[in-house]
Amino acid sequence: MMDFEQQRRRIVELLEREGYITNEDVKRAMLKVPREEFVVEEYRDLAYSNTPLPIPGGVTISAEHMHAIYLSNLELKPGDKVLEIGAGSGILLAYMKEIVGEKGEVYGVEIIPETYEFAKRNLMKTGYLNKVKLFLGNGCRGLPEFAPFDKIACSAAASKIHEEWKRQLKLGGILLTPLKTKYGQELIRLKKVGEDEYEQEMICPVIFVDLVET
């Protein structure tokens, strides 16, 4: 029997030592959410191997260090309203909910039906399904009916930063997305500093599955 709690503690301590986790809220969330419940059964023993793993729908659950990079760069705060585009396994929604707390709101959109059902099952068995809102739909359009958001995270490589995302971001809000370039992919962080004004920075090179853009 694998001691997943011990493995979880070990990987979180490693990520903290390596500088991926610099925030106590992120550390607490990653120590609490059971990653082994968000991977497929055959890869369960590899849940804490800090590597992407295949999940239903031809996509992956990101490595732990990438989740730490996302959570840190989003600068999540208690009470934040957050949207994830490309919810995948559902684990980032669970992490986000732990950080934004009871007063915060977490929304996810997943376009692949098989992946959406997988995320739904994972969130249900871990007790997060009634704490977050997950939708089957086209993430390129965001979720206009619930906008604006304090933070928006896209968890798949986009060909561009969609205007709908920018419009649905609050003033002072942060958007994080992998962006395809002619050299590969870069994780881009966008901060909305004016009605049509944004500060953009490149965080690091990444490798994500492509966003389904329709």
C-alpha atoms as a PDB file:
ATOM      1  CA  MET A   1       0.000   0.000   0.000  1.00  0.00           C
ATOM      2  CA  MET A   2       1.480   3.332  -1.090  1.00  0.00           C
ATOM      3  CA  ASP A   3       1.634   6.044   1.549  1.00  0.00           C
ATOM      4  CA  PHE A   4       0.286   8.844  -0.596  1.00  0.00           C
ATOM      5  CA  GLU A   5       0.196  11.363   2.228  1.00  0.00           C
ATOM      6  CA  GLN A   6       3.903  10.898   2.828  1.00  0.00           C
ATOM      7  CA  GLN A   7       4.635  11.177  -0.908  1.00  0.00           C
ATOM      8  CA  ARG A   8       2.538  14.333  -1.099  1.00  0.00           C
ATOM      9  CA  ARG A   9       4.451  15.883   1.778  1.00  0.00           C
ATOM     10  CA  ARG A  10       7.777  14.934   0.191  1.00  0.00           C
ATOM     11  CA  ILE A  11       6.981  16.481  -3.228  1.00  0.00           C
ATOM     12  CA  VAL A  12       5.590  19.676  -1.666  1.00  0.00           C
ATOM     13  CA  GLU A  13       8.739  20.061   0.459  1.00  0.00           C
ATOM     14  CA  LEU A  14      10.862  19.511  -2.671  1.00  0.00           C
ATOM     15  CA  LEU A  15       8.895  22.124  -4.649  1.00  0.00           C
ATOM     16  CA  GLU A  16       9.289  24.557  -1.770  1.00  0.00           C
ATOM     17  CA  ARG A  17      13.061  23.954  -1.599  1.00  0.00           C
ATOM     18  CA  GLU A  18      13.375  24.446  -5.356  1.00  0.00           C
ATOM     19  CA  GLY A  19      11.488  27.755  -5.206  1.00  0.00           C
ATOM     20  CA  TYR A  20       8.305  26.683  -7.018  1.00  0.00           C
ATOM     21  CA  ILE A  21       6.207  27.182  -3.873  1.00  0.00           C
ATOM     22  CA  THR A  22       6.799  30.527  -2.156  1.00  0.00           C
ATOM     23  CA  ASN A  23       3.345  31.033  -0.685  1.00  0.00           C
ATOM     24  CA  GLU A  24       1.878  29.357   2.415  1.00  0.00           C
ATOM     25  CA  ASP A  25      -1.631  29.189   0.886  1.00  0.00           C
ATOM     26  CA  VAL A  26      -0.294  27.321  -2.159  1.00  0.00           C
ATOM     27  CA  LYS A  27       1.655  24.957   0.103  1.00  0.00           C
ATOM     28  CA  ARG A  28      -1.400  24.273   2.260  1.00  0.00           C
ATOM     29  CA  ALA A  29      -3.595  23.573  -0.797  1.00  0.00           C
ATOM     30  CA  MET A  30      -1.060  21.207  -2.367  1.00  0.00           C
ATOM     31  CA  LEU A  31      -0.656  19.343   0.924  1.00  0.00           C
ATOM     32  CA  LYS A  32      -4.409  18.933   1.305  1.00  0.00           C
ATOM     33  CA  VAL A  33      -5.697  17.930  -2.159  1.00  0.00           C
ATOM     34  CA  PRO A  34      -5.111  14.182  -2.856  1.00  0.00           C
ATOM     35  CA  ARG A  35      -3.519  14.119  -6.321  1.00  0.00           C
ATOM     36  CA  GLU A  36      -3.813  10.315  -6.405  1.00  0.00           C
ATOM     37  CA  GLU A  37      -7.587  10.767  -6.776  1.00  0.00           C
ATOM     38  CA  PHE A  38      -7.155  12.877  -9.932  1.00  0.00           C
ATOM     39  CA  VAL A  39      -5.123  10.396 -11.995  1.00  0.00           C
ATOM     40  CA  VAL A  40      -6.324   7.260 -13.770  1.00  0.00           C
ATOM     41  CA  GLU A  41      -6.077   4.029 -11.762  1.00  0.00           C
ATOM     42  CA  GLU A  42      -3.189   2.542 -13.769  1.00  0.00           C
ATOM     43  CA  TYR A  43      -0.989   5.589 -13.007  1.00  0.00           C
ATOM     44  CA  ARG A  44      -2.020   5.938  -9.372  1.00  0.00           C
ATOM     45  CA  ASP A  45       1.390   4.795  -8.089  1.00  0.00           C
ATOM     46  CA  LEU A  46       3.003   7.580 -10.164  1.00  0.00           C
ATOM     47  CA  ALA A  47       0.717  10.306  -8.797  1.00  0.00           C
ATOM     48  CA  TYR A  48       3.601  12.114  -7.060  1.00  0.00           C
ATOM     49  CA  SER A  49       6.363  11.536  -9.626  1.00  0.00           C
ATOM     50  CA  ASN A  50       6.323  15.232 -10.710  1.00  0.00           C
ATOM     51  CA  THR A  51       5.573  14.376 -14.317  1.00  0.00           C
ATOM     52  CA  PRO A  52       2.521  14.886 -16.582  1.00  0.00           C
ATOM     53  CA  LEU A  53       0.310  11.788 -16.761  1.00  0.00           C
ATOM     54  CA  PRO A  54      -2.283  10.756 -19.384  1.00  0.00           C
ATOM     55  CA  ILE A  55      -5.969  11.208 -18.516  1.00  0.00           C
ATOM     56  CA  PRO A  56      -9.109  10.420 -20.565  1.00  0.00           C
ATOM     57  CA  GLY A  57      -9.709  12.488 -23.709  1.00  0.00           C
ATOM     58  CA  GLY A  58      -6.133  12.381 -25.025  1.00  0.00           C
ATOM     59  CA  VAL A  59      -4.895  15.049 -22.615  1.00  0.00           C
ATOM     60  CA  THR A  60      -2.789  15.087 -19.433  1.00  0.00           C
ATOM     61  CA  ILE A  61      -2.712  16.146 -15.801  1.00  0.00           C
ATOM     62  CA  SER A  62       0.221  18.550 -15.411  1.00  0.00           C
ATOM     63  CA  ALA A  63       3.243  17.814 -13.233  1.00  0.00           C
ATOM     64  CA  GLU A  64       3.151  19.100  -9.661  1.00  0.00           C
ATOM     65  CA  HIS A  65       5.775  21.799 -10.286  1.00  0.00           C
ATOM     66  CA  MET A  66       3.605  23.244 -13.084  1.00  0.00           C
ATOM     67  CA  HIS A  67       0.582  23.428 -10.785  1.00  0.00           C
ATOM     68  CA  ALA A  68       2.786  25.250  -8.255  1.00  0.00           C
ATOM     69  CA  ILE A  69       3.905  27.707 -10.975  1.00  0.00           C
ATOM     70  CA  TYR A  70       0.274  28.367 -11.925  1.00  0.00           C
ATOM     71  CA  LEU A  71      -0.980  28.816  -8.374  1.00  0.00           C
ATOM     72  CA  SER A  72       1.916  31.106  -7.440  1.00  0.00           C
ATOM     73  CA  ASN A  73       1.669  33.330 -10.529  1.00  0.00           C
ATOM     74  CA  LEU A  74      -2.098  33.745 -10.273  1.00  0.00           C
ATOM     75  CA  GLU A  75      -1.604  35.414  -6.866  1.00  0.00           C
ATOM     76  CA  LEU A  76      -4.880  33.909  -5.613  1.00  0.00           C
ATOM     77  CA  LYS A  77      -6.438  35.506  -2.559  1.00  0.00           C
ATOM     78  CA  PRO A  78      -9.327  34.513  -0.279  1.00  0.00           C
ATOM     79  CA  GLY A  79     -12.583  35.676  -1.850  1.00  0.00           C
ATOM     80  CA  ASP A  80     -11.263  35.676  -5.445  1.00  0.00           C
ATOM     81  CA  LYS A  81     -13.519  34.644  -8.329  1.00  0.00           C
ATOM     82  CA  VAL A  82     -11.517  32.367 -10.626  1.00  0.00           C
ATOM     83  CA  LEU A  83     -12.006  30.663 -14.002  1.00  0.00           C
ATOM     84  CA  GLU A  84     -10.007  27.747 -15.400  1.00  0.00           C
ATOM     85  CA  ILE A  85     -10.216  27.059 -19.123  1.00  0.00           C
ATOM     86  CA  GLY A  86      -9.430  23.429 -19.911  1.00  0.00           C
ATOM     87  CA  ALA A  87     -10.234  21.930 -16.516  1.00  0.00           C
ATOM     88  CA  GLY A  88      -8.645  18.564 -17.364  1.00  0.00           C
ATOM     89  CA  SER A  89      -8.511  16.292 -14.308  1.00  0.00           C
ATOM     90  CA  GLY A  90     -10.172  18.944 -12.120  1.00  0.00           C
ATOM     91  CA  ILE A  91      -7.260  19.153  -9.676  1.00  0.00           C
ATOM     92  CA  LEU A  92      -6.419  22.823 -10.281  1.00  0.00           C
ATOM     93  CA  LEU A  93     -10.040  23.707  -9.458  1.00  0.00           C
ATOM     94  CA  ALA A  94      -9.643  21.885  -6.126  1.00  0.00           C
ATOM     95  CA  TYR A  95      -6.352  23.655  -5.364  1.00  0.00           C
ATOM     96  CA  MET A  96      -7.905  27.015  -6.249  1.00  0.00           C
ATOM     97  CA  LYS A  97     -10.917  26.401  -4.038  1.00  0.00           C
ATOM     98  CA  GLU A  98      -8.659  25.636  -1.082  1.00  0.00           C
ATOM     99  CA  ILE A  99      -6.918  28.989  -1.571  1.00  0.00           C
ATOM    100  CA  VAL A 100      -9.884  31.285  -2.337  1.00  0.00           C
ATOM    101  CA  GLY A 101     -11.896  29.753   0.514  1.00  0.00           C
ATOM    102  CA  GLU A 102     -15.615  29.726   1.247  1.00  0.00           C
ATOM    103  CA  LYS A 103     -16.188  33.272   0.023  1.00  0.00           C
ATOM    104  CA  GLY A 104     -14.284  32.646  -3.202  1.00  0.00           C
ATOM    105  CA  GLU A 105     -15.832  31.239  -6.371  1.00  0.00           C
ATOM    106  CA  VAL A 106     -14.176  28.741  -8.701  1.00  0.00           C
ATOM    107  CA  TYR A 107     -15.413  27.948 -12.226  1.00  0.00           C
ATOM    108  CA  GLY A 108     -14.076  25.484 -14.778  1.00  0.00           C
ATOM    109  CA  VAL A 109     -14.811  24.831 -18.460  1.00  0.00           C
ATOM    110  CA  GLU A 110     -13.830  21.651 -20.321  1.00  0.00           C
ATOM    111  CA  ILE A 111     -14.645  21.042 -24.002  1.00  0.00           C
ATOM    112  CA  ILE A 112     -13.839  17.286 -24.263  1.00  0.00           C
ATOM    113  CA  PRO A 113     -16.836  15.270 -22.920  1.00  0.00           C
ATOM    114  CA  GLU A 114     -14.686  12.312 -21.766  1.00  0.00           C
ATOM    115  CA  THR A 115     -12.318  14.640 -19.880  1.00  0.00           C
ATOM    116  CA  TYR A 116     -15.218  16.609 -18.407  1.00  0.00           C
ATOM    117  CA  GLU A 117     -16.780  13.390 -17.019  1.00  0.00           C
ATOM    118  CA  PHE A 118     -13.404  12.347 -15.567  1.00  0.00           C
ATOM    119  CA  ALA A 119     -12.993  15.720 -13.814  1.00  0.00           C
ATOM    120  CA  LYS A 120     -16.556  15.535 -12.529  1.00  0.00           C
ATOM    121  CA  ARG A 121     -15.971  12.084 -11.017  1.00  0.00           C
ATOM    122  CA  ASN A 122     -12.707  13.199  -9.403  1.00  0.00           C
ATOM    123  CA  LEU A 123     -14.268  16.314  -7.904  1.00  0.00           C
ATOM    124  CA  MET A 124     -17.239  14.309  -6.654  1.00  0.00           C
ATOM    125  CA  LYS A 125     -15.202  11.629  -4.859  1.00  0.00           C
ATOM    126  CA  THR A 126     -12.958  14.258  -3.217  1.00  0.00           C
ATOM    127  CA  GLY A 127     -15.867  16.430  -2.067  1.00  0.00           C
ATOM    128  CA  TYR A 128     -15.186  19.433  -4.314  1.00  0.00           C
ATOM    129  CA  LEU A 129     -17.984  19.066  -6.869  1.00  0.00           C
ATOM    130  CA  ASN A 130     -20.454  20.987  -4.723  1.00  0.00           C
ATOM    131  CA  LYS A 131     -17.816  23.653  -3.960  1.00  0.00           C
ATOM    132  CA  VAL A 132     -16.826  24.530  -7.545  1.00  0.00           C
ATOM    133  CA  LYS A 133     -18.807  24.934 -10.777  1.00  0.00           C
ATOM    134  CA  LEU A 134     -17.734  22.804 -13.748  1.00  0.00           C
ATOM    135  CA  PHE A 135     -19.177  23.233 -17.244  1.00  0.00           C
ATOM    136  CA  LEU A 136     -18.896  21.303 -20.505  1.00  0.00           C
ATOM    137  CA  GLY A 137     -18.302  23.924 -23.177  1.00  0.00           C
ATOM    138  CA  ASN A 138     -15.989  26.005 -25.334  1.00  0.00           C
ATOM    139  CA  GLY A 139     -13.412  27.682 -23.101  1.00  0.00           C
ATOM    140  CA  CYS A 140     -12.390  30.129 -25.843  1.00  0.00           C
ATOM    141  CA  ARG A 141     -15.593  32.004 -25.043  1.00  0.00           C
ATOM    142  CA  GLY A 142     -14.865  32.023 -21.321  1.00  0.00           C
ATOM    143  CA  LEU A 143     -17.967  32.137 -19.112  1.00  0.00           C
ATOM    144  CA  PRO A 144     -19.599  35.522 -19.850  1.00  0.00           C
ATOM    145  CA  GLU A 145     -22.634  34.762 -17.686  1.00  0.00           C
ATOM    146  CA  PHE A 146     -20.410  34.607 -14.574  1.00  0.00           C
ATOM    147  CA  ALA A 147     -17.888  37.325 -15.510  1.00  0.00           C
ATOM    148  CA  PRO A 148     -15.986  39.341 -14.464  1.00  0.00           C
ATOM    149  CA  PHE A 149     -13.255  37.238 -12.856  1.00  0.00           C
ATOM    150  CA  ASP A 150     -10.325  38.215 -10.637  1.00  0.00           C
ATOM    151  CA  LYS A 151      -8.148  35.516 -12.175  1.00  0.00           C
ATOM    152  CA  ILE A 152      -8.364  33.411 -15.348  1.00  0.00           C
ATOM    153  CA  ALA A 153      -6.108  30.407 -16.038  1.00  0.00           C
ATOM    154  CA  CYS A 154      -5.984  28.533 -19.327  1.00  0.00           C
ATOM    155  CA  SER A 155      -4.490  25.050 -18.938  1.00  0.00           C
ATOM    156  CA  ALA A 156      -3.854  24.302 -22.624  1.00  0.00           C
ATOM    157  CA  ALA A 157      -1.698  25.955 -25.280  1.00  0.00           C
ATOM    158  CA  ALA A 158      -3.631  28.694 -27.086  1.00  0.00           C
ATOM    159  CA  SER A 159      -2.812  30.182 -30.483  1.00  0.00           C
ATOM    160  CA  LYS A 160      -3.669  33.644 -29.126  1.00  0.00           C
ATOM    161  CA  ILE A 161      -4.995  35.396 -26.026  1.00  0.00           C
ATOM    162  CA  HIS A 162      -8.711  35.462 -26.774  1.00  0.00           C
ATOM    163  CA  GLU A 163     -10.471  38.828 -26.531  1.00  0.00           C
ATOM    164  CA  GLU A 164     -13.323  37.219 -24.559  1.00  0.00           C
ATOM    165  CA  TRP A 165     -10.872  36.330 -21.789  1.00  0.00           C
ATOM    166  CA  LYS A 166      -9.570  39.896 -21.626  1.00  0.00           C
ATOM    167  CA  ARG A 167     -13.099  41.290 -21.503  1.00  0.00           C
ATOM    168  CA  GLN A 168     -14.072  38.915 -18.688  1.00  0.00           C
ATOM    169  CA  LEU A 169     -11.102  39.924 -16.517  1.00  0.00           C
ATOM    170  CA  LYS A 170     -11.605  42.496 -13.752  1.00  0.00           C
ATOM    171  CA  LEU A 171      -9.422  45.588 -13.609  1.00  0.00           C
ATOM    172  CA  GLY A 172      -6.283  44.523 -11.737  1.00  0.00           C
ATOM    173  CA  GLY A 173      -7.006  40.890 -12.643  1.00  0.00           C
ATOM    174  CA  ILE A 174      -4.470  38.312 -13.832  1.00  0.00           C
ATOM    175  CA  LEU A 175      -4.684  35.954 -16.825  1.00  0.00           C
ATOM    176  CA  LEU A 176      -2.284  33.032 -17.242  1.00  0.00           C
ATOM    177  CA  THR A 177      -2.039  30.961 -20.413  1.00  0.00           C
ATOM    178  CA  PRO A 178       0.469  28.904 -22.405  1.00  0.00           C
ATOM    179  CA  LEU A 179       0.861  30.606 -25.786  1.00  0.00           C
ATOM    180  CA  LYS A 180       2.068  28.932 -28.955  1.00  0.00           C
ATOM    181  CA  THR A 181       4.982  30.711 -30.652  1.00  0.00           C
ATOM    182  CA  LYS A 182       7.112  29.841 -33.671  1.00  0.00           C
ATOM    183  CA  TYR A 183       9.703  28.470 -31.226  1.00  0.00           C
ATOM    184  CA  GLY A 184       7.350  26.363 -29.086  1.00  0.00           C
ATOM    185  CA  GLN A 185       5.220  27.492 -26.133  1.00  0.00           C
ATOM    186  CA  GLU A 186       5.604  30.158 -23.467  1.00  0.00           C
ATOM    187  CA  LEU A 187       3.608  30.639 -20.282  1.00  0.00           C
ATOM    188  CA  ILE A 188       2.288  34.206 -20.484  1.00  0.00           C
ATOM    189  CA  ARG A 189       0.991  36.294 -17.600  1.00  0.00           C
ATOM    190  CA  LEU A 190      -1.268  39.204 -18.417  1.00  0.00           C
ATOM    191  CA  LYS A 191      -2.334  41.838 -15.903  1.00  0.00           C
ATOM    192  CA  LYS A 192      -5.253  44.158 -16.690  1.00  0.00           C
ATOM    193  CA  VAL A 193      -4.095  47.645 -15.698  1.00  0.00           C
ATOM    194  CA  GLY A 194      -6.658  49.693 -17.641  1.00  0.00           C
ATOM    195  CA  GLU A 195      -9.899  49.218 -19.558  1.00  0.00           C
ATOM    196  CA  ASP A 196      -7.935  48.196 -22.672  1.00  0.00           C
ATOM    197  CA  GLU A 197      -4.457  48.191 -21.192  1.00  0.00           C
ATOM    198  CA  TYR A 198      -2.455  45.118 -20.198  1.00  0.00           C
ATOM    199  CA  GLU A 199       0.993  44.344 -18.855  1.00  0.00           C
ATOM    200  CA  GLN A 200       2.373  41.134 -20.332  1.00  0.00           C
ATOM    201  CA  GLU A 201       5.315  39.009 -19.199  1.00  0.00           C
ATOM    202  CA  MET A 202       6.740  35.639 -20.109  1.00  0.00           C
ATOM    203  CA  ILE A 203       7.037  33.299 -17.112  1.00  0.00           C
ATOM    204  CA  CYS A 204       8.819  30.278 -18.625  1.00  0.00           C
ATOM    205  CA  PRO A 205       8.875  27.921 -21.626  1.00  0.00           C
ATOM    206  CA  VAL A 206       6.266  25.141 -21.273  1.00  0.00           C
ATOM    207  CA  ILE A 207       4.847  22.105 -23.070  1.00  0.00           C
ATOM    208  CA  PHE A 208       1.044  21.760 -22.911  1.00  0.00           C
ATOM    209  CA  VAL A 209      -1.537  19.973 -25.043  1.00  0.00           C
ATOM    210  CA  ASP A 210      -3.172  22.293 -27.563  1.00  0.00           C
ATOM    211  CA  LEU A 211      -6.314  24.155 -26.622  1.00  0.00           C
ATOM    212  CA  VAL A 212      -9.338  23.087 -28.687  1.00  0.00           C
ATOM    213  CA  GLU A 213     -10.143  26.374 -30.434  1.00  0.00           C
ATOM    214  CA  THR A 214     -13.420  26.532 -32.356  1.00  0.00           C
END
